[in-house]
């Protein structure tokens, strides 16, 4: 296996290094606080004396510190060592910072990917985890085996760092949407005198439906086919009308259910009452999603 270096041994960086070692990769590590590397050294990793030494030790280096700005500041201490190397930058930053970082890497005659880790440290190394990356396809091929060793569903999502920011936002929305749904559900229960223990006990009944929602989304949105719904947009609208009425009757906060009810009302006004609820992508979008469904 090709040697790999890891710069940054915080909670995530340490787990990246541990998994690579466990999967047989020759590993060199560096961290500002060398004591964080002690356990990895005992497991077989080499400790580099500097970031430049870590980069020099391997063709591929993973950087995982606080931000793209911090990574760049660290590497600017000896940027010449980057020439001919490949850098996988997994620190955080917005699209503009990521784009600037990738351009800086390339200006140093190096190849680079900017990546987003979409799981907690405990899930690194699992087959159903993912690190999503942007960069050139050729660079991806150099790094694919390493990234998939760290997260089995890792993928290249585009060339431009804007794609990474977009996929991050598009994944945060359904994940955190579920969290905020539970928060508002708890407020309704509280006003109705239902204990939080009782609410938590029945939540798994609705969590099971999430997989069905994914199947529905995958079967309808990519092809724009929104006919023959098991539960129409009109049914969803009626359900949320009831939820809003319940919130008002209990004097519970209703911002979230009102927002969803109002989006569904737009679908009703557009004549989508007998379509799949996912037909809202056709109504709200103005690109490929806006094509007519059957």
C-alpha atoms as a PDB file:
ATOM      1  CA  UNK A   1       0.000   0.000   0.000  1.00  0.00           C
ATOM      2  CA  UNK A   2       1.138   3.546  -0.705  1.00  0.00           C
ATOM      3  CA  UNK A   3       2.520   5.510   2.257  1.00  0.00           C
ATOM      4  CA  UNK A   4       0.204   8.204   3.613  1.00  0.00           C
ATOM      5  CA  UNK A   5       0.850  11.124   5.943  1.00  0.00           C
ATOM      6  CA  UNK A   6      -1.681  12.721   8.268  1.00  0.00           C
ATOM      7  CA  UNK A   7      -1.217  16.274   9.547  1.00  0.00           C
ATOM      8  CA  UNK A   8      -3.444  17.162  12.490  1.00  0.00           C
ATOM      9  CA  UNK A   9      -4.306  14.692  15.246  1.00  0.00           C
ATOM     10  CA  UNK A  10      -7.426  16.096  16.820  1.00  0.00           C
ATOM     11  CA  UNK A  11     -10.414  13.821  17.385  1.00  0.00           C
ATOM     12  CA  UNK A  12     -11.012  13.359  13.661  1.00  0.00           C
ATOM     13  CA  UNK A  13      -7.398  13.350  12.499  1.00  0.00           C
ATOM     14  CA  UNK A  14      -6.436  10.755  15.099  1.00  0.00           C
ATOM     15  CA  UNK A  15      -9.254   8.492  13.952  1.00  0.00           C
ATOM     16  CA  UNK A  16      -8.259   8.894  10.297  1.00  0.00           C
ATOM     17  CA  UNK A  17      -4.710   7.895  11.224  1.00  0.00           C
ATOM     18  CA  UNK A  18      -5.830   4.976  13.401  1.00  0.00           C
ATOM     19  CA  UNK A  19      -8.000   3.513  10.639  1.00  0.00           C
ATOM     20  CA  UNK A  20      -5.269   3.844   8.006  1.00  0.00           C
ATOM     21  CA  UNK A  21      -2.811   2.068  10.284  1.00  0.00           C
ATOM     22  CA  UNK A  22      -5.339  -0.663  10.977  1.00  0.00           C
ATOM     23  CA  UNK A  23      -5.809  -1.209   7.244  1.00  0.00           C
ATOM     24  CA  UNK A  24      -2.092  -1.606   6.621  1.00  0.00           C
ATOM     25  CA  UNK A  25      -1.080   1.787   5.246  1.00  0.00           C
ATOM     26  CA  UNK A  26       2.494   2.878   6.079  1.00  0.00           C
ATOM     27  CA  UNK A  27       1.770   6.044   8.038  1.00  0.00           C
ATOM     28  CA  UNK A  28       3.625   9.210   8.995  1.00  0.00           C
ATOM     29  CA  UNK A  29       1.945  11.721  11.303  1.00  0.00           C
ATOM     30  CA  UNK A  30       2.544  15.224  12.562  1.00  0.00           C
ATOM     31  CA  UNK A  31       0.768  17.288  15.171  1.00  0.00           C
ATOM     32  CA  UNK A  32       1.718  20.518  16.893  1.00  0.00           C
ATOM     33  CA  UNK A  33       1.435  18.690  20.224  1.00  0.00           C
ATOM     34  CA  UNK A  34       3.594  15.610  19.669  1.00  0.00           C
ATOM     35  CA  UNK A  35       2.154  13.751  22.666  1.00  0.00           C
ATOM     36  CA  UNK A  36      -1.072  13.201  20.718  1.00  0.00           C
ATOM     37  CA  UNK A  37       0.908  10.909  18.423  1.00  0.00           C
ATOM     38  CA  UNK A  38       2.157   8.591  21.186  1.00  0.00           C
ATOM     39  CA  UNK A  39      -0.574   5.972  20.794  1.00  0.00           C
ATOM     40  CA  UNK A  40      -0.215   6.002  17.017  1.00  0.00           C
ATOM     41  CA  UNK A  41       3.551   5.607  17.294  1.00  0.00           C
ATOM     42  CA  UNK A  42       3.061   2.536  19.467  1.00  0.00           C
ATOM     43  CA  UNK A  43       0.787   1.148  16.748  1.00  0.00           C
ATOM     44  CA  UNK A  44       3.464   1.646  14.081  1.00  0.00           C
ATOM     45  CA  UNK A  45       3.182   5.216  12.816  1.00  0.00           C
ATOM     46  CA  UNK A  46       6.248   7.376  12.264  1.00  0.00           C
ATOM     47  CA  UNK A  47       6.299  10.827  13.861  1.00  0.00           C
ATOM     48  CA  UNK A  48       7.555  13.583  11.557  1.00  0.00           C
ATOM     49  CA  UNK A  49       9.543  16.475  12.967  1.00  0.00           C
ATOM     50  CA  UNK A  50       7.601  19.059  10.937  1.00  0.00           C
ATOM     51  CA  UNK A  51       4.698  19.376   8.499  1.00  0.00           C
ATOM     52  CA  UNK A  52       7.210  19.551   5.645  1.00  0.00           C
ATOM     53  CA  UNK A  53       8.829  16.302   6.813  1.00  0.00           C
ATOM     54  CA  UNK A  54       5.434  14.623   6.950  1.00  0.00           C
ATOM     55  CA  UNK A  55       4.636  15.704   3.378  1.00  0.00           C
ATOM     56  CA  UNK A  56       8.067  14.604   2.154  1.00  0.00           C
ATOM     57  CA  UNK A  57       7.523  11.128   3.618  1.00  0.00           C
ATOM     58  CA  UNK A  58       4.502  10.216   1.462  1.00  0.00           C
ATOM     59  CA  UNK A  59       3.033  10.815  -1.959  1.00  0.00           C
ATOM     60  CA  UNK A  60      -0.375  11.518  -0.380  1.00  0.00           C
ATOM     61  CA  UNK A  61      -0.888  13.722   2.671  1.00  0.00           C
ATOM     62  CA  UNK A  62      -4.154  14.283   4.519  1.00  0.00           C
ATOM     63  CA  UNK A  63      -4.512  17.585   6.360  1.00  0.00           C
ATOM     64  CA  UNK A  64      -7.219  17.766   9.021  1.00  0.00           C
ATOM     65  CA  UNK A  65      -6.905  20.815  11.250  1.00  0.00           C
ATOM     66  CA  UNK A  66      -9.194  23.725  12.071  1.00  0.00           C
ATOM     67  CA  UNK A  67      -9.601  25.578   8.779  1.00  0.00           C
ATOM     68  CA  UNK A  68      -8.270  26.002   5.237  1.00  0.00           C
ATOM     69  CA  UNK A  69      -6.650  29.226   6.417  1.00  0.00           C
ATOM     70  CA  UNK A  70      -4.818  27.387   9.195  1.00  0.00           C
ATOM     71  CA  UNK A  71      -3.707  24.647   6.785  1.00  0.00           C
ATOM     72  CA  UNK A  72      -2.339  27.175   4.321  1.00  0.00           C
ATOM     73  CA  UNK A  73      -0.553  29.105   7.065  1.00  0.00           C
ATOM     74  CA  UNK A  74       1.035  25.873   8.292  1.00  0.00           C
ATOM     75  CA  UNK A  75       2.172  24.735   4.850  1.00  0.00           C
ATOM     76  CA  UNK A  76       3.513  28.135   3.848  1.00  0.00           C
ATOM     77  CA  UNK A  77       6.384  27.553   6.274  1.00  0.00           C
ATOM     78  CA  UNK A  78       7.985  25.341   3.562  1.00  0.00           C
ATOM     79  CA  UNK A  79       5.739  25.227   0.463  1.00  0.00           C
ATOM     80  CA  UNK A  80       8.456  23.893  -1.867  1.00  0.00           C
ATOM     81  CA  UNK A  81       7.999  20.401  -0.411  1.00  0.00           C
ATOM     82  CA  UNK A  82       4.528  20.234  -1.991  1.00  0.00           C
ATOM     83  CA  UNK A  83       5.859  19.987  -5.556  1.00  0.00           C
ATOM     84  CA  UNK A  84       4.854  16.650  -7.076  1.00  0.00           C
ATOM     85  CA  UNK A  85       2.785  15.655  -4.014  1.00  0.00           C
ATOM     86  CA  UNK A  86      -0.943  15.126  -3.537  1.00  0.00           C
ATOM     87  CA  UNK A  87      -2.814  16.843  -0.714  1.00  0.00           C
ATOM     88  CA  UNK A  88      -6.230  15.827   0.618  1.00  0.00           C
ATOM     89  CA  UNK A  89      -7.431  18.869   2.563  1.00  0.00           C
ATOM     90  CA  UNK A  90     -10.140  17.903   5.066  1.00  0.00           C
ATOM     91  CA  UNK A  91     -10.102  21.068   7.156  1.00  0.00           C
ATOM     92  CA  UNK A  92     -13.165  23.299   7.190  1.00  0.00           C
ATOM     93  CA  UNK A  93     -14.063  26.500   5.341  1.00  0.00           C
ATOM     94  CA  UNK A  94     -16.556  28.071   2.988  1.00  0.00           C
ATOM     95  CA  UNK A  95     -16.606  27.707  -0.796  1.00  0.00           C
ATOM     96  CA  UNK A  96     -14.439  30.766  -1.432  1.00  0.00           C
ATOM     97  CA  UNK A  97     -11.800  29.587   1.053  1.00  0.00           C
ATOM     98  CA  UNK A  98     -11.854  26.083  -0.409  1.00  0.00           C
ATOM     99  CA  UNK A  99     -11.429  27.430  -3.945  1.00  0.00           C
ATOM    100  CA  UNK A 100      -8.543  29.639  -2.867  1.00  0.00           C
ATOM    101  CA  UNK A 101      -6.917  26.687  -1.080  1.00  0.00           C
ATOM    102  CA  UNK A 102      -7.186  24.431  -4.126  1.00  0.00           C
ATOM    103  CA  UNK A 103      -5.726  27.127  -6.387  1.00  0.00           C
ATOM    104  CA  UNK A 104      -2.868  27.658  -3.921  1.00  0.00           C
ATOM    105  CA  UNK A 105      -2.082  23.924  -3.861  1.00  0.00           C
ATOM    106  CA  UNK A 106      -1.972  23.778  -7.658  1.00  0.00           C
ATOM    107  CA  UNK A 107       0.227  26.881  -7.795  1.00  0.00           C
ATOM    108  CA  UNK A 108       2.791  24.898  -5.764  1.00  0.00           C
ATOM    109  CA  UNK A 109       2.914  22.219  -8.514  1.00  0.00           C
ATOM    110  CA  UNK A 110       0.928  19.821  -6.345  1.00  0.00           C
ATOM    111  CA  UNK A 111      -2.345  17.952  -6.845  1.00  0.00           C
ATOM    112  CA  UNK A 112      -5.165  18.462  -4.406  1.00  0.00           C
ATOM    113  CA  UNK A 113      -8.641  17.475  -3.312  1.00  0.00           C
ATOM    114  CA  UNK A 114     -10.830  19.426  -0.927  1.00  0.00           C
ATOM    115  CA  UNK A 115     -12.959  17.053   1.120  1.00  0.00           C
ATOM    116  CA  UNK A 116     -15.871  17.110   3.533  1.00  0.00           C
ATOM    117  CA  UNK A 117     -16.185  14.408   6.180  1.00  0.00           C
ATOM    118  CA  UNK A 118     -19.874  13.668   6.567  1.00  0.00           C
ATOM    119  CA  UNK A 119     -19.695  11.491   9.698  1.00  0.00           C
ATOM    120  CA  UNK A 120     -18.509  11.566  13.302  1.00  0.00           C
ATOM    121  CA  UNK A 121     -15.055  10.162  14.177  1.00  0.00           C
ATOM    122  CA  UNK A 122     -16.606   6.928  15.478  1.00  0.00           C
ATOM    123  CA  UNK A 123     -17.890   6.163  11.962  1.00  0.00           C
ATOM    124  CA  UNK A 124     -14.557   6.533  10.154  1.00  0.00           C
ATOM    125  CA  UNK A 125     -13.580   3.240   8.534  1.00  0.00           C
ATOM    126  CA  UNK A 126     -17.145   2.036   8.020  1.00  0.00           C
ATOM    127  CA  UNK A 127     -18.451   0.879   4.662  1.00  0.00           C
ATOM    128  CA  UNK A 128     -21.512   3.162   4.757  1.00  0.00           C
ATOM    129  CA  UNK A 129     -19.622   6.362   5.687  1.00  0.00           C
ATOM    130  CA  UNK A 130     -18.556   9.000   3.188  1.00  0.00           C
ATOM    131  CA  UNK A 131     -15.935  11.646   2.563  1.00  0.00           C
ATOM    132  CA  UNK A 132     -17.122  13.825  -0.315  1.00  0.00           C
ATOM    133  CA  UNK A 133     -14.461  15.555  -2.391  1.00  0.00           C
ATOM    134  CA  UNK A 134     -13.969  18.096  -5.172  1.00  0.00           C
ATOM    135  CA  UNK A 135     -11.033  18.319  -7.571  1.00  0.00           C
ATOM    136  CA  UNK A 136      -9.743  16.800 -10.787  1.00  0.00           C
ATOM    137  CA  UNK A 137     -10.759  13.271 -11.748  1.00  0.00           C
ATOM    138  CA  UNK A 138      -7.093  12.278 -12.182  1.00  0.00           C
ATOM    139  CA  UNK A 139      -6.310  13.393  -8.625  1.00  0.00           C
ATOM    140  CA  UNK A 140      -9.360  11.533  -7.355  1.00  0.00           C
ATOM    141  CA  UNK A 141      -8.097   8.319  -8.906  1.00  0.00           C
ATOM    142  CA  UNK A 142      -4.804   8.762  -7.020  1.00  0.00           C
ATOM    143  CA  UNK A 143      -6.646   9.133  -3.725  1.00  0.00           C
ATOM    144  CA  UNK A 144      -9.741   6.983  -4.176  1.00  0.00           C
ATOM    145  CA  UNK A 145      -8.403   3.886  -2.446  1.00  0.00           C
ATOM    146  CA  UNK A 146      -7.229   5.877   0.574  1.00  0.00           C
ATOM    147  CA  UNK A 147     -10.505   7.773   0.930  1.00  0.00           C
ATOM    148  CA  UNK A 148     -12.609   4.644   0.537  1.00  0.00           C
ATOM    149  CA  UNK A 149     -10.485   2.908   3.167  1.00  0.00           C
ATOM    150  CA  UNK A 150     -11.507   5.745   5.480  1.00  0.00           C
ATOM    151  CA  UNK A 151     -15.140   5.852   4.393  1.00  0.00           C
ATOM    152  CA  UNK A 152     -16.530   3.237   2.021  1.00  0.00           C
ATOM    153  CA  UNK A 153     -18.985   5.470   0.159  1.00  0.00           C
ATOM    154  CA  UNK A 154     -16.553   8.330  -0.473  1.00  0.00           C
ATOM    155  CA  UNK A 155     -17.109  10.039  -3.811  1.00  0.00           C
ATOM    156  CA  UNK A 156     -15.981  12.854  -6.082  1.00  0.00           C
ATOM    157  CA  UNK A 157     -18.894  15.302  -6.405  1.00  0.00           C
ATOM    158  CA  UNK A 158     -17.394  17.824  -8.821  1.00  0.00           C
ATOM    159  CA  UNK A 159     -14.442  20.001  -9.781  1.00  0.00           C
ATOM    160  CA  UNK A 160     -15.533  23.287  -8.221  1.00  0.00           C
ATOM    161  CA  UNK A 161     -15.534  23.724  -4.408  1.00  0.00           C
ATOM    162  CA  UNK A 162     -18.974  25.326  -4.773  1.00  0.00           C
ATOM    163  CA  UNK A 163     -20.241  21.774  -5.365  1.00  0.00           C
ATOM    164  CA  UNK A 164     -18.956  20.764  -1.944  1.00  0.00           C
ATOM    165  CA  UNK A 165     -20.727  23.668  -0.234  1.00  0.00           C
ATOM    166  CA  UNK A 166     -23.911  22.798  -2.131  1.00  0.00           C
ATOM    167  CA  UNK A 167     -23.856  19.108  -1.216  1.00  0.00           C
ATOM    168  CA  UNK A 168     -23.132  20.030   2.421  1.00  0.00           C
ATOM    169  CA  UNK A 169     -26.171  22.321   2.532  1.00  0.00           C
ATOM    170  CA  UNK A 170     -28.351  19.748   0.775  1.00  0.00           C
ATOM    171  CA  UNK A 171     -27.399  17.064   3.308  1.00  0.00           C
ATOM    172  CA  UNK A 172     -27.713  19.292   6.376  1.00  0.00           C
ATOM    173  CA  UNK A 173     -31.302  20.212   5.488  1.00  0.00           C
ATOM    174  CA  UNK A 174     -32.872  16.722   5.693  1.00  0.00           C
ATOM    175  CA  UNK A 175     -30.714  15.713   8.656  1.00  0.00           C
ATOM    176  CA  UNK A 176     -31.348  18.809  10.740  1.00  0.00           C
ATOM    177  CA  UNK A 177     -34.892  19.085   9.432  1.00  0.00           C
ATOM    178  CA  UNK A 178     -35.570  15.827  11.243  1.00  0.00           C
ATOM    179  CA  UNK A 179     -33.971  17.191  14.417  1.00  0.00           C
ATOM    180  CA  UNK A 180     -36.051  20.383  14.333  1.00  0.00           C
ATOM    181  CA  UNK A 181     -39.147  18.312  13.650  1.00  0.00           C
ATOM    182  CA  UNK A 182     -38.494  16.401  16.873  1.00  0.00           C
ATOM    183  CA  UNK A 183     -37.923  19.661  18.755  1.00  0.00           C
ATOM    184  CA  UNK A 184     -41.253  21.091  17.619  1.00  0.00           C
ATOM    185  CA  UNK A 185     -42.911  17.746  18.333  1.00  0.00           C
ATOM    186  CA  UNK A 186     -41.577  17.905  21.887  1.00  0.00           C
ATOM    187  CA  UNK A 187     -43.071  21.382  22.337  1.00  0.00           C
ATOM    188  CA  UNK A 188     -46.482  20.161  21.216  1.00  0.00           C
ATOM    189  CA  UNK A 189     -46.296  17.211  23.612  1.00  0.00           C
ATOM    190  CA  UNK A 190     -45.221  19.472  26.454  1.00  0.00           C
ATOM    191  CA  UNK A 191     -48.235  21.744  25.956  1.00  0.00           C
ATOM    192  CA  UNK A 192     -50.529  18.694  25.837  1.00  0.00           C
ATOM    193  CA  UNK A 193     -49.123  17.273  29.076  1.00  0.00           C
ATOM    194  CA  UNK A 194     -47.433  14.310  27.370  1.00  0.00           C
ATOM    195  CA  UNK A 195     -44.175  13.314  29.064  1.00  0.00           C
ATOM    196  CA  UNK A 196     -40.914  13.469  27.155  1.00  0.00           C
ATOM    197  CA  UNK A 197     -40.299   9.827  28.038  1.00  0.00           C
ATOM    198  CA  UNK A 198     -43.566   8.876  26.351  1.00  0.00           C
ATOM    199  CA  UNK A 199     -42.673  10.978  23.287  1.00  0.00           C
ATOM    200  CA  UNK A 200     -39.223   9.412  23.023  1.00  0.00           C
ATOM    201  CA  UNK A 201     -40.757   5.949  23.295  1.00  0.00           C
ATOM    202  CA  UNK A 202     -43.058   6.470  20.298  1.00  0.00           C
ATOM    203  CA  UNK A 203     -40.559   8.335  18.053  1.00  0.00           C
ATOM    204  CA  UNK A 204     -39.164   5.084  16.585  1.00  0.00           C
ATOM    205  CA  UNK A 205     -42.602   4.480  15.051  1.00  0.00           C
ATOM    206  CA  UNK A 206     -42.094   7.499  12.795  1.00  0.00           C
ATOM    207  CA  UNK A 207     -38.337   7.084  12.322  1.00  0.00           C
ATOM    208  CA  UNK A 208     -39.053   3.857  10.431  1.00  0.00           C
ATOM    209  CA  UNK A 209     -40.913   5.881   7.800  1.00  0.00           C
ATOM    210  CA  UNK A 210     -37.755   7.850   6.912  1.00  0.00           C
ATOM    211  CA  UNK A 211     -36.491   4.968   4.756  1.00  0.00           C
ATOM    212  CA  UNK A 212     -39.825   4.928   2.911  1.00  0.00           C
ATOM    213  CA  UNK A 213     -39.491   8.666   2.261  1.00  0.00           C
ATOM    214  CA  UNK A 214     -36.047   8.126   0.805  1.00  0.00           C
ATOM    215  CA  UNK A 215     -37.388   5.382  -1.479  1.00  0.00           C
ATOM    216  CA  UNK A 216     -40.206   7.677  -2.612  1.00  0.00           C
ATOM    217  CA  UNK A 217     -37.825  10.562  -3.294  1.00  0.00           C
ATOM    218  CA  UNK A 218     -35.394   8.351  -5.227  1.00  0.00           C
ATOM    219  CA  UNK A 219     -38.202   6.841  -7.298  1.00  0.00           C
ATOM    220  CA  UNK A 220     -39.828  10.153  -8.257  1.00  0.00           C
ATOM    221  CA  UNK A 221     -37.488  13.160  -8.317  1.00  0.00           C
ATOM    222  CA  UNK A 222     -34.617  11.995 -10.587  1.00  0.00           C
ATOM    223  CA  UNK A 223     -37.023  11.122 -13.419  1.00  0.00           C
ATOM    224  CA  UNK A 224     -39.600  13.790 -12.604  1.00  0.00           C
ATOM    225  CA  UNK A 225     -42.408  11.241 -12.289  1.00  0.00           C
ATOM    226  CA  UNK A 226     -44.916  12.394  -9.693  1.00  0.00           C
ATOM    227  CA  UNK A 227     -48.141  10.556 -10.565  1.00  0.00           C
ATOM    228  CA  UNK A 228     -49.984   7.753  -8.735  1.00  0.00           C
ATOM    229  CA  UNK A 229     -49.056   8.780  -5.177  1.00  0.00           C
ATOM    230  CA  UNK A 230     -49.775   6.495  -2.216  1.00  0.00           C
ATOM    231  CA  UNK A 231     -50.447   9.736  -0.303  1.00  0.00           C
ATOM    232  CA  UNK A 232     -50.998  12.827  -2.423  1.00  0.00           C
ATOM    233  CA  UNK A 233     -49.739  16.341  -1.841  1.00  0.00           C
ATOM    234  CA  UNK A 234     -53.333  17.196  -0.912  1.00  0.00           C
ATOM    235  CA  UNK A 235     -53.255  14.597   1.863  1.00  0.00           C
ATOM    236  CA  UNK A 236     -50.031  16.124   3.221  1.00  0.00           C
ATOM    237  CA  UNK A 237     -51.611  19.579   3.069  1.00  0.00           C
ATOM    238  CA  UNK A 238     -54.639  18.438   5.062  1.00  0.00           C
ATOM    239  CA  UNK A 239     -52.342  16.785   7.630  1.00  0.00           C
ATOM    240  CA  UNK A 240     -50.363  19.974   8.138  1.00  0.00           C
ATOM    241  CA  UNK A 241     -53.531  22.037   8.390  1.00  0.00           C
ATOM    242  CA  UNK A 242     -54.444  19.789  11.321  1.00  0.00           C
ATOM    243  CA  UNK A 243     -50.971  20.143  12.845  1.00  0.00           C
ATOM    244  CA  UNK A 244     -51.157  23.945  12.679  1.00  0.00           C
ATOM    245  CA  UNK A 245     -54.632  23.913  14.255  1.00  0.00           C
ATOM    246  CA  UNK A 246     -53.357  21.652  17.034  1.00  0.00           C
ATOM    247  CA  UNK A 247     -50.417  23.973  17.734  1.00  0.00           C
ATOM    248  CA  UNK A 248     -52.732  26.965  17.944  1.00  0.00           C
ATOM    249  CA  UNK A 249     -55.212  25.160  20.182  1.00  0.00           C
ATOM    250  CA  UNK A 250     -52.374  24.218  22.557  1.00  0.00           C
ATOM    251  CA  UNK A 251     -50.679  27.626  22.189  1.00  0.00           C
ATOM    252  CA  UNK A 252     -47.560  25.791  21.043  1.00  0.00           C
ATOM    253  CA  UNK A 253     -44.990  27.358  18.657  1.00  0.00           C
ATOM    254  CA  UNK A 254     -46.081  26.752  15.075  1.00  0.00           C
ATOM    255  CA  UNK A 255     -43.408  28.395  12.865  1.00  0.00           C
ATOM    256  CA  UNK A 256     -42.126  25.130  11.399  1.00  0.00           C
ATOM    257  CA  UNK A 257     -45.498  23.487  10.659  1.00  0.00           C
ATOM    258  CA  UNK A 258     -46.803  26.775   9.214  1.00  0.00           C
ATOM    259  CA  UNK A 259     -43.820  26.973   6.874  1.00  0.00           C
ATOM    260  CA  UNK A 260     -44.466  23.442   5.636  1.00  0.00           C
ATOM    261  CA  UNK A 261     -48.233  23.996   5.388  1.00  0.00           C
ATOM    262  CA  UNK A 262     -47.621  27.140   3.330  1.00  0.00           C
ATOM    263  CA  UNK A 263     -45.262  25.317   0.935  1.00  0.00           C
ATOM    264  CA  UNK A 264     -47.908  22.642   0.482  1.00  0.00           C
ATOM    265  CA  UNK A 265     -50.507  25.360  -0.118  1.00  0.00           C
ATOM    266  CA  UNK A 266     -48.380  26.621  -2.998  1.00  0.00           C
ATOM    267  CA  UNK A 267     -48.556  23.128  -4.457  1.00  0.00           C
ATOM    268  CA  UNK A 268     -52.323  23.089  -4.012  1.00  0.00           C
ATOM    269  CA  UNK A 269     -52.645  26.485  -5.698  1.00  0.00           C
ATOM    270  CA  UNK A 270     -50.537  25.197  -8.619  1.00  0.00           C
ATOM    271  CA  UNK A 271     -52.858  22.251  -9.178  1.00  0.00           C
ATOM    272  CA  UNK A 272     -50.587  19.550  -7.733  1.00  0.00           C
ATOM    273  CA  UNK A 273     -53.023  18.228  -5.143  1.00  0.00           C
ATOM    274  CA  UNK A 274     -53.180  14.769  -6.769  1.00  0.00           C
ATOM    275  CA  UNK A 275     -49.403  14.531  -7.368  1.00  0.00           C
ATOM    276  CA  UNK A 276     -46.647  13.118  -5.154  1.00  0.00           C
ATOM    277  CA  UNK A 277     -45.533  15.527  -2.433  1.00  0.00           C
ATOM    278  CA  UNK A 278     -42.110  15.443  -4.115  1.00  0.00           C
ATOM    279  CA  UNK A 279     -43.694  17.342  -7.022  1.00  0.00           C
ATOM    280  CA  UNK A 280     -42.846  20.446  -4.973  1.00  0.00           C
ATOM    281  CA  UNK A 281     -39.388  20.131  -6.530  1.00  0.00           C
ATOM    282  CA  UNK A 282     -41.062  20.749  -9.892  1.00  0.00           C
ATOM    283  CA  UNK A 283     -42.924  23.768  -8.525  1.00  0.00           C
ATOM    284  CA  UNK A 284     -40.053  25.368  -6.594  1.00  0.00           C
ATOM    285  CA  UNK A 285     -37.218  24.564  -9.026  1.00  0.00           C
ATOM    286  CA  UNK A 286     -36.381  26.347 -12.242  1.00  0.00           C
ATOM    287  CA  UNK A 287     -33.887  23.845 -13.703  1.00  0.00           C
ATOM    288  CA  UNK A 288     -34.116  20.143 -14.626  1.00  0.00           C
ATOM    289  CA  UNK A 289     -36.371  19.512 -11.620  1.00  0.00           C
ATOM    290  CA  UNK A 290     -39.001  21.787 -13.130  1.00  0.00           C
ATOM    291  CA  UNK A 291     -39.809  19.418 -15.997  1.00  0.00           C
ATOM    292  CA  UNK A 292     -43.339  18.075 -16.046  1.00  0.00           C
ATOM    293  CA  UNK A 293     -44.071  14.793 -14.304  1.00  0.00           C
ATOM    294  CA  UNK A 294     -46.441  12.083 -15.381  1.00  0.00           C
END
